[in-house]
PDB file of N, CA and C in Angstrom:
ATOM      1  N   MET A   1     -87.245   2.245 -37.432  1.00  0.00           N
ATOM      2  CA  MET A   1     -86.162   2.971 -38.076  1.00  0.00           C
ATOM      3  C   MET A   1     -86.751   4.225 -38.714  1.00  0.00           C
ATOM      4  N   THR A   2     -86.030   5.326 -38.583  1.00  0.00           N
ATOM      5  CA  THR A   2     -86.509   6.575 -39.171  1.00  0.00           C
ATOM      6  C   THR A   2     -86.342   6.535 -40.689  1.00  0.00           C
ATOM      7  N   LYS A   3     -87.070   7.400 -41.345  1.00  0.00           N
ATOM      8  CA  LYS A   3     -86.988   7.478 -42.813  1.00  0.00           C
ATOM      9  C   LYS A   3     -85.585   7.899 -43.247  1.00  0.00           C
ATOM     10  N   LEU A   4     -84.981   8.825 -42.501  1.00  0.00           N
ATOM     11  CA  LEU A   4     -83.647   9.295 -42.869  1.00  0.00           C
ATOM     12  C   LEU A   4     -82.617   8.173 -42.745  1.00  0.00           C
ATOM     13  N   LEU A   5     -82.681   7.417 -41.665  1.00  0.00           N
ATOM     14  CA  LEU A   5     -81.741   6.307 -41.496  1.00  0.00           C
ATOM     15  C   LEU A   5     -81.982   5.239 -42.559  1.00  0.00           C
ATOM     16  N   GLU A   6     -83.228   4.994 -42.862  1.00  0.00           N
ATOM     17  CA  GLU A   6     -83.552   4.019 -43.914  1.00  0.00           C
ATOM     18  C   GLU A   6     -82.963   4.472 -45.249  1.00  0.00           C
ATOM     19  N   ARG A   7     -83.089   5.772 -45.550  1.00  0.00           N
ATOM     20  CA  ARG A   7     -82.526   6.308 -46.798  1.00  0.00           C
ATOM     21  C   ARG A   7     -81.006   6.154 -46.817  1.00  0.00           C
ATOM     22  N   ALA A   8     -80.371   6.412 -45.667  1.00  0.00           N
ATOM     23  CA  ALA A   8     -78.917   6.269 -45.586  1.00  0.00           C
ATOM     24  C   ALA A   8     -78.508   4.826 -45.854  1.00  0.00           C
ATOM     25  N   PHE A   9     -79.243   3.864 -45.295  1.00  0.00           N
ATOM     26  CA  PHE A   9     -78.915   2.458 -45.530  1.00  0.00           C
ATOM     27  C   PHE A   9     -79.156   2.050 -46.982  1.00  0.00           C
ATOM     28  N   VAL A  10     -80.163   2.606 -47.604  1.00  0.00           N
ATOM     29  CA  VAL A  10     -80.403   2.318 -49.022  1.00  0.00           C
ATOM     30  C   VAL A  10     -79.218   2.814 -49.842  1.00  0.00           C
ATOM     31  N   GLU A  11     -78.760   4.026 -49.545  1.00  0.00           N
ATOM     32  CA  GLU A  11     -77.608   4.566 -50.271  1.00  0.00           C
ATOM     33  C   GLU A  11     -76.352   3.750 -49.979  1.00  0.00           C
ATOM     34  N   ALA A  12     -76.168   3.368 -48.716  1.00  0.00           N
ATOM     35  CA  ALA A  12     -74.992   2.578 -48.356  1.00  0.00           C
ATOM     36  C   ALA A  12     -75.009   1.223 -49.051  1.00  0.00           C
ATOM     37  N   SER A  13     -76.181   0.677 -49.286  1.00  0.00           N
ATOM     38  CA  SER A  13     -76.272  -0.636 -49.935  1.00  0.00           C
ATOM     39  C   SER A  13     -75.802  -0.590 -51.386  1.00  0.00           C
ATOM     40  N   LYS A  14     -75.677   0.606 -51.930  1.00  0.00           N
ATOM     41  CA  LYS A  14     -75.202   0.757 -53.310  1.00  0.00           C
ATOM     42  C   LYS A  14     -73.669   0.736 -53.390  1.00  0.00           C
ATOM     43  N   LEU A  15     -73.008   0.835 -52.243  1.00  0.00           N
ATOM     44  CA  LEU A  15     -71.546   0.799 -52.217  1.00  0.00           C
ATOM     45  C   LEU A  15     -71.058  -0.623 -52.428  1.00  0.00           C
ATOM     46  N   ASP A  16     -69.790  -0.757 -52.853  1.00  0.00           N
ATOM     47  CA  ASP A  16     -69.253  -2.118 -52.975  1.00  0.00           C
ATOM     48  C   ASP A  16     -69.024  -2.687 -51.571  1.00  0.00           C
ATOM     49  N   ALA A  17     -68.801  -3.986 -51.497  1.00  0.00           N
ATOM     50  CA  ALA A  17     -68.735  -4.685 -50.211  1.00  0.00           C
ATOM     51  C   ALA A  17     -67.664  -4.102 -49.294  1.00  0.00           C
ATOM     52  N   SER A  18     -66.526  -3.764 -49.839  1.00  0.00           N
ATOM     53  CA  SER A  18     -65.437  -3.216 -49.036  1.00  0.00           C
ATOM     54  C   SER A  18     -65.836  -1.872 -48.417  1.00  0.00           C
ATOM     55  N   GLU A  19     -66.455  -1.023 -49.210  1.00  0.00           N
ATOM     56  CA  GLU A  19     -66.899   0.278 -48.709  1.00  0.00           C
ATOM     57  C   GLU A  19     -68.013   0.111 -47.674  1.00  0.00           C
ATOM     58  N   GLN A  20     -68.893  -0.850 -47.883  1.00  0.00           N
ATOM     59  CA  GLN A  20     -69.950  -1.117 -46.908  1.00  0.00           C
ATOM     60  C   GLN A  20     -69.349  -1.553 -45.585  1.00  0.00           C
ATOM     61  N   ASP A  21     -68.341  -2.426 -45.636  1.00  0.00           N
ATOM     62  CA  ASP A  21     -67.692  -2.883 -44.411  1.00  0.00           C
ATOM     63  C   ASP A  21     -66.978  -1.735 -43.698  1.00  0.00           C
ATOM     64  N   THR A  22     -66.344  -0.867 -44.464  1.00  0.00           N
ATOM     65  CA  THR A  22     -65.675   0.294 -43.882  1.00  0.00           C
ATOM     66  C   THR A  22     -66.688   1.192 -43.182  1.00  0.00           C
ATOM     67  N   LEU A  23     -67.795   1.455 -43.843  1.00  0.00           N
ATOM     68  CA  LEU A  23     -68.845   2.280 -43.263  1.00  0.00           C
ATOM     69  C   LEU A  23     -69.434   1.613 -42.021  1.00  0.00           C
ATOM     70  N   ALA A  24     -69.672   0.330 -42.086  1.00  0.00           N
ATOM     71  CA  ALA A  24     -70.237  -0.406 -40.947  1.00  0.00           C
ATOM     72  C   ALA A  24     -69.295  -0.345 -39.745  1.00  0.00           C
ATOM     73  N   ARG A  25     -67.991  -0.546 -39.987  1.00  0.00           N
ATOM     74  CA  ARG A  25     -67.023  -0.466 -38.888  1.00  0.00           C
ATOM     75  C   ARG A  25     -67.023   0.923 -38.266  1.00  0.00           C
ATOM     76  N   TRP A  26     -67.069   1.947 -39.106  1.00  0.00           N
ATOM     77  CA  TRP A  26     -67.073   3.316 -38.614  1.00  0.00           C
ATOM     78  C   TRP A  26     -68.320   3.580 -37.761  1.00  0.00           C
ATOM     79  N   ILE A  27     -69.476   3.168 -38.233  1.00  0.00           N
ATOM     80  CA  ILE A  27     -70.716   3.369 -37.480  1.00  0.00           C
ATOM     81  C   ILE A  27     -70.645   2.653 -36.135  1.00  0.00           C
ATOM     82  N   LEU A  28     -70.217   1.399 -36.141  1.00  0.00           N
ATOM     83  CA  LEU A  28     -70.128   0.632 -34.895  1.00  0.00           C
ATOM     84  C   LEU A  28     -69.133   1.253 -33.923  1.00  0.00           C
ATOM     85  N   GLU A  29     -68.002   1.723 -34.432  1.00  0.00           N
ATOM     86  CA  GLU A  29     -67.015   2.376 -33.574  1.00  0.00           C
ATOM     87  C   GLU A  29     -67.570   3.667 -32.978  1.00  0.00           C
ATOM     88  N   GLU A  30     -68.292   4.434 -33.778  1.00  0.00           N
ATOM     89  CA  GLU A  30     -68.886   5.676 -33.279  1.00  0.00           C
ATOM     90  C   GLU A  30     -69.927   5.397 -32.203  1.00  0.00           C
ATOM     91  N   LEU A  31     -70.754   4.390 -32.414  1.00  0.00           N
ATOM     92  CA  LEU A  31     -71.763   4.037 -31.416  1.00  0.00           C
ATOM     93  C   LEU A  31     -71.105   3.604 -30.113  1.00  0.00           C
ATOM     94  N   GLU A  32     -70.059   2.804 -30.194  1.00  0.00           N
ATOM     95  CA  GLU A  32     -69.349   2.377 -28.991  1.00  0.00           C
ATOM     96  C   GLU A  32     -68.681   3.561 -28.301  1.00  0.00           C
ATOM     97  N   SER A  33     -68.122   4.474 -29.079  1.00  0.00           N
ATOM     98  CA  SER A  33     -67.501   5.664 -28.512  1.00  0.00           C
ATOM     99  C   SER A  33     -68.534   6.495 -27.756  1.00  0.00           C
ATOM    100  N   GLU A  34     -69.712   6.658 -28.322  1.00  0.00           N
ATOM    101  CA  GLU A  34     -70.775   7.396 -27.645  1.00  0.00           C
ATOM    102  C   GLU A  34     -71.160   6.731 -26.334  1.00  0.00           C
ATOM    103  N   ARG A  35     -71.251   5.400 -26.340  1.00  0.00           N
ATOM    104  CA  ARG A  35     -71.578   4.674 -25.109  1.00  0.00           C
ATOM    105  C   ARG A  35     -70.491   4.880 -24.054  1.00  0.00           C
ATOM    106  N   ARG A  36     -69.216   4.857 -24.476  1.00  0.00           N
ATOM    107  CA  ARG A  36     -68.116   5.084 -23.522  1.00  0.00           C
ATOM    108  C   ARG A  36     -68.193   6.481 -22.915  1.00  0.00           C
ATOM    109  N   TRP A  37     -68.431   7.502 -23.753  1.00  0.00           N
ATOM    110  CA  TRP A  37     -68.542   8.869 -23.241  1.00  0.00           C
ATOM    111  C   TRP A  37     -69.725   8.991 -22.286  1.00  0.00           C
ATOM    112  N   ASP A  38     -70.842   8.373 -22.646  1.00  0.00           N
ATOM    113  CA  ASP A  38     -72.011   8.422 -21.758  1.00  0.00           C
ATOM    114  C   ASP A  38     -71.679   7.815 -20.400  1.00  0.00           C
ATOM    115  N   ARG A  39     -70.994   6.659 -20.394  1.00  0.00           N
ATOM    116  CA  ARG A  39     -70.611   6.010 -19.131  1.00  0.00           C
ATOM    117  C   ARG A  39     -69.623   6.892 -18.366  1.00  0.00           C
ATOM    118  N   PHE A  40     -68.658   7.454 -19.088  1.00  0.00           N
ATOM    119  CA  PHE A  40     -67.648   8.295 -18.451  1.00  0.00           C
ATOM    120  C   PHE A  40     -68.300   9.473 -17.739  1.00  0.00           C
ATOM    121  N   PHE A  41     -69.182  10.184 -18.439  1.00  0.00           N
ATOM    122  CA  PHE A  41     -69.814  11.348 -17.833  1.00  0.00           C
ATOM    123  C   PHE A  41     -70.778  10.950 -16.719  1.00  0.00           C
ATOM    124  N   ALA A  42     -71.471   9.855 -16.876  1.00  0.00           N
ATOM    125  CA  ALA A  42     -72.371   9.390 -15.823  1.00  0.00           C
ATOM    126  C   ALA A  42     -71.593   9.037 -14.569  1.00  0.00           C
ATOM    127  N   ASP A  43     -70.401   8.478 -14.734  1.00  0.00           N
ATOM    128  CA  ASP A  43     -69.587   8.051 -13.596  1.00  0.00           C
ATOM    129  C   ASP A  43     -68.758   9.180 -12.994  1.00  0.00           C
ATOM    130  N   SER A  44     -68.740  10.350 -13.636  1.00  0.00           N
ATOM    131  CA  SER A  44     -67.856  11.417 -13.170  1.00  0.00           C
ATOM    132  C   SER A  44     -68.603  12.657 -12.711  1.00  0.00           C
ATOM    133  N   GLN A  45     -69.902  12.560 -12.468  1.00  0.00           N
ATOM    134  CA  GLN A  45     -70.676  13.742 -12.076  1.00  0.00           C
ATOM    135  C   GLN A  45     -70.133  14.401 -10.812  1.00  0.00           C
ATOM    136  N   ASP A  46     -69.803  13.603  -9.807  1.00  0.00           N
ATOM    137  CA  ASP A  46     -69.283  14.178  -8.555  1.00  0.00           C
ATOM    138  C   ASP A  46     -67.985  14.933  -8.796  1.00  0.00           C
ATOM    139  N   GLU A  47     -67.108  14.350  -9.583  1.00  0.00           N
ATOM    140  CA  GLU A  47     -65.834  15.002  -9.886  1.00  0.00           C
ATOM    141  C   GLU A  47     -66.050  16.287 -10.681  1.00  0.00           C
ATOM    142  N   LEU A  48     -66.971  16.268 -11.641  1.00  0.00           N
ATOM    143  CA  LEU A  48     -67.252  17.460 -12.429  1.00  0.00           C
ATOM    144  C   LEU A  48     -67.831  18.573 -11.555  1.00  0.00           C
ATOM    145  N   ILE A  49     -68.674  18.218 -10.604  1.00  0.00           N
ATOM    146  CA  ILE A  49     -69.234  19.214  -9.684  1.00  0.00           C
ATOM    147  C   ILE A  49     -68.119  19.855  -8.863  1.00  0.00           C
ATOM    148  N   LEU A  50     -67.203  19.036  -8.346  1.00  0.00           N
ATOM    149  CA  LEU A  50     -66.090  19.572  -7.558  1.00  0.00           C
ATOM    150  C   LEU A  50     -65.203  20.493  -8.395  1.00  0.00           C
ATOM    151  N   MET A  51     -64.937  20.103  -9.637  1.00  0.00           N
ATOM    152  CA  MET A  51     -64.114  20.938 -10.515  1.00  0.00           C
ATOM    153  C   MET A  51     -64.803  22.268 -10.809  1.00  0.00           C
ATOM    154  N   ALA A  52     -66.117  22.237 -11.024  1.00  0.00           N
ATOM    155  CA  ALA A  52     -66.862  23.468 -11.278  1.00  0.00           C
ATOM    156  C   ALA A  52     -66.830  24.371 -10.050  1.00  0.00           C
ATOM    157  N   GLN A  53     -67.007  23.799  -8.862  1.00  0.00           N
ATOM    158  CA  GLN A  53     -66.954  24.588  -7.633  1.00  0.00           C
ATOM    159  C   GLN A  53     -65.573  25.215  -7.445  1.00  0.00           C
ATOM    160  N   GLU A  54     -64.539  24.456  -7.733  1.00  0.00           N
ATOM    161  CA  GLU A  54     -63.173  24.969  -7.619  1.00  0.00           C
ATOM    162  C   GLU A  54     -62.940  26.123  -8.595  1.00  0.00           C
ATOM    163  N   ALA A  55     -63.423  25.966  -9.818  1.00  0.00           N
ATOM    164  CA  ALA A  55     -63.256  27.032 -10.818  1.00  0.00           C
ATOM    165  C   ALA A  55     -64.001  28.296 -10.397  1.00  0.00           C
ATOM    166  N   LEU A  56     -65.209  28.136  -9.871  1.00  0.00           N
ATOM    167  CA  LEU A  56     -65.963  29.305  -9.414  1.00  0.00           C
ATOM    168  C   LEU A  56     -65.264  29.997  -8.246  1.00  0.00           C
ATOM    169  N   GLU A  57     -64.712  29.220  -7.331  1.00  0.00           N
ATOM    170  CA  GLU A  57     -63.995  29.793  -6.198  1.00  0.00           C
ATOM    171  C   GLU A  57     -62.757  30.563  -6.674  1.00  0.00           C
ATOM    172  N   GLU A  58     -62.021  30.010  -7.627  1.00  0.00           N
ATOM    173  CA  GLU A  58     -60.862  30.711  -8.186  1.00  0.00           C
ATOM    174  C   GLU A  58     -61.294  32.025  -8.837  1.00  0.00           C
ATOM    175  N   HIS A  59     -62.435  31.986  -9.523  1.00  0.00           N
ATOM    176  CA  HIS A  59     -62.943  33.202 -10.173  1.00  0.00           C
ATOM    177  C   HIS A  59     -63.317  34.244  -9.120  1.00  0.00           C
ATOM    178  N   ARG A  60     -63.994  33.820  -8.046  1.00  0.00           N
ATOM    179  CA  ARG A  60     -64.367  34.744  -6.981  1.00  0.00           C
ATOM    180  C   ARG A  60     -63.135  35.381  -6.319  1.00  0.00           C
ATOM    181  N   LYS A  61     -62.050  34.639  -6.261  1.00  0.00           N
ATOM    182  CA  LYS A  61     -60.816  35.152  -5.649  1.00  0.00           C
ATOM    183  C   LYS A  61     -60.003  36.007  -6.618  1.00  0.00           C
ATOM    184  N   GLY A  62     -60.497  36.182  -7.833  1.00  0.00           N
ATOM    185  CA  GLY A  62     -59.798  37.003  -8.812  1.00  0.00           C
ATOM    186  C   GLY A  62     -58.607  36.311  -9.452  1.00  0.00           C
ATOM    187  N   LEU A  63     -58.596  34.999  -9.425  1.00  0.00           N
ATOM    188  CA  LEU A  63     -57.467  34.248  -9.976  1.00  0.00           C
ATOM    189  C   LEU A  63     -57.653  33.869 -11.442  1.00  0.00           C
ATOM    190  N   THR A  64     -58.715  34.351 -12.044  1.00  0.00           N
ATOM    191  CA  THR A  64     -58.972  34.036 -13.457  1.00  0.00           C
ATOM    192  C   THR A  64     -58.849  35.307 -14.283  1.00  0.00           C
ATOM    193  N   LYS A  65     -58.745  35.149 -15.578  1.00  0.00           N
ATOM    194  CA  LYS A  65     -58.720  36.305 -16.460  1.00  0.00           C
ATOM    195  C   LYS A  65     -59.615  36.013 -17.656  1.00  0.00           C
ATOM    196  N   PRO A  66     -60.127  37.048 -18.309  1.00  0.00           N
ATOM    197  CA  PRO A  66     -61.021  36.852 -19.455  1.00  0.00           C
ATOM    198  C   PRO A  66     -60.323  36.074 -20.579  1.00  0.00           C
ATOM    199  N   LEU A  67     -61.077  35.285 -21.275  1.00  0.00           N
ATOM    200  CA  LEU A  67     -60.553  34.531 -22.403  1.00  0.00           C
ATOM    201  C   LEU A  67     -60.474  35.441 -23.609  1.00  0.00           C
ATOM    202  N   ASP A  68     -59.321  35.466 -24.225  1.00  0.00           N
ATOM    203  CA  ASP A  68     -59.109  36.239 -25.437  1.00  0.00           C
ATOM    204  C   ASP A  68     -58.941  35.255 -26.597  1.00  0.00           C
ATOM    205  N   PRO A  69     -59.976  35.086 -27.423  1.00  0.00           N
ATOM    206  CA  PRO A  69     -59.888  34.115 -28.519  1.00  0.00           C
ATOM    207  C   PRO A  69     -58.734  34.379 -29.485  1.00  0.00           C
ATOM    208  N   ASP A  70     -58.282  35.630 -29.558  1.00  0.00           N
ATOM    209  CA  ASP A  70     -57.191  35.957 -30.467  1.00  0.00           C
ATOM    210  C   ASP A  70     -55.851  35.408 -30.003  1.00  0.00           C
ATOM    211  N   THR A  71     -55.754  35.037 -28.737  1.00  0.00           N
ATOM    212  CA  THR A  71     -54.490  34.518 -28.231  1.00  0.00           C
ATOM    213  C   THR A  71     -54.484  32.993 -28.136  1.00  0.00           C
ATOM    214  N   LEU A  72     -55.552  32.342 -28.583  1.00  0.00           N
ATOM    215  CA  LEU A  72     -55.605  30.893 -28.533  1.00  0.00           C
ATOM    216  C   LEU A  72     -54.739  30.277 -29.608  1.00  0.00           C
TER     217      LEU A  72
END
């Protein structure tokens, strides 16, 4: 365990039980979410490549326009 994570757990241990459980649930949910995103992106590389190729082809054909952040 890194020193920073150890320090975070020391600080978290000072919280009351309810707050500790809330923090623990949040951490576990975030870790699971990261695992889901990792699986999603790992499983979608072919699709992402096709989408990128399609976008580049549209750009080459002049079907795109510059992004204007002021109009977002």
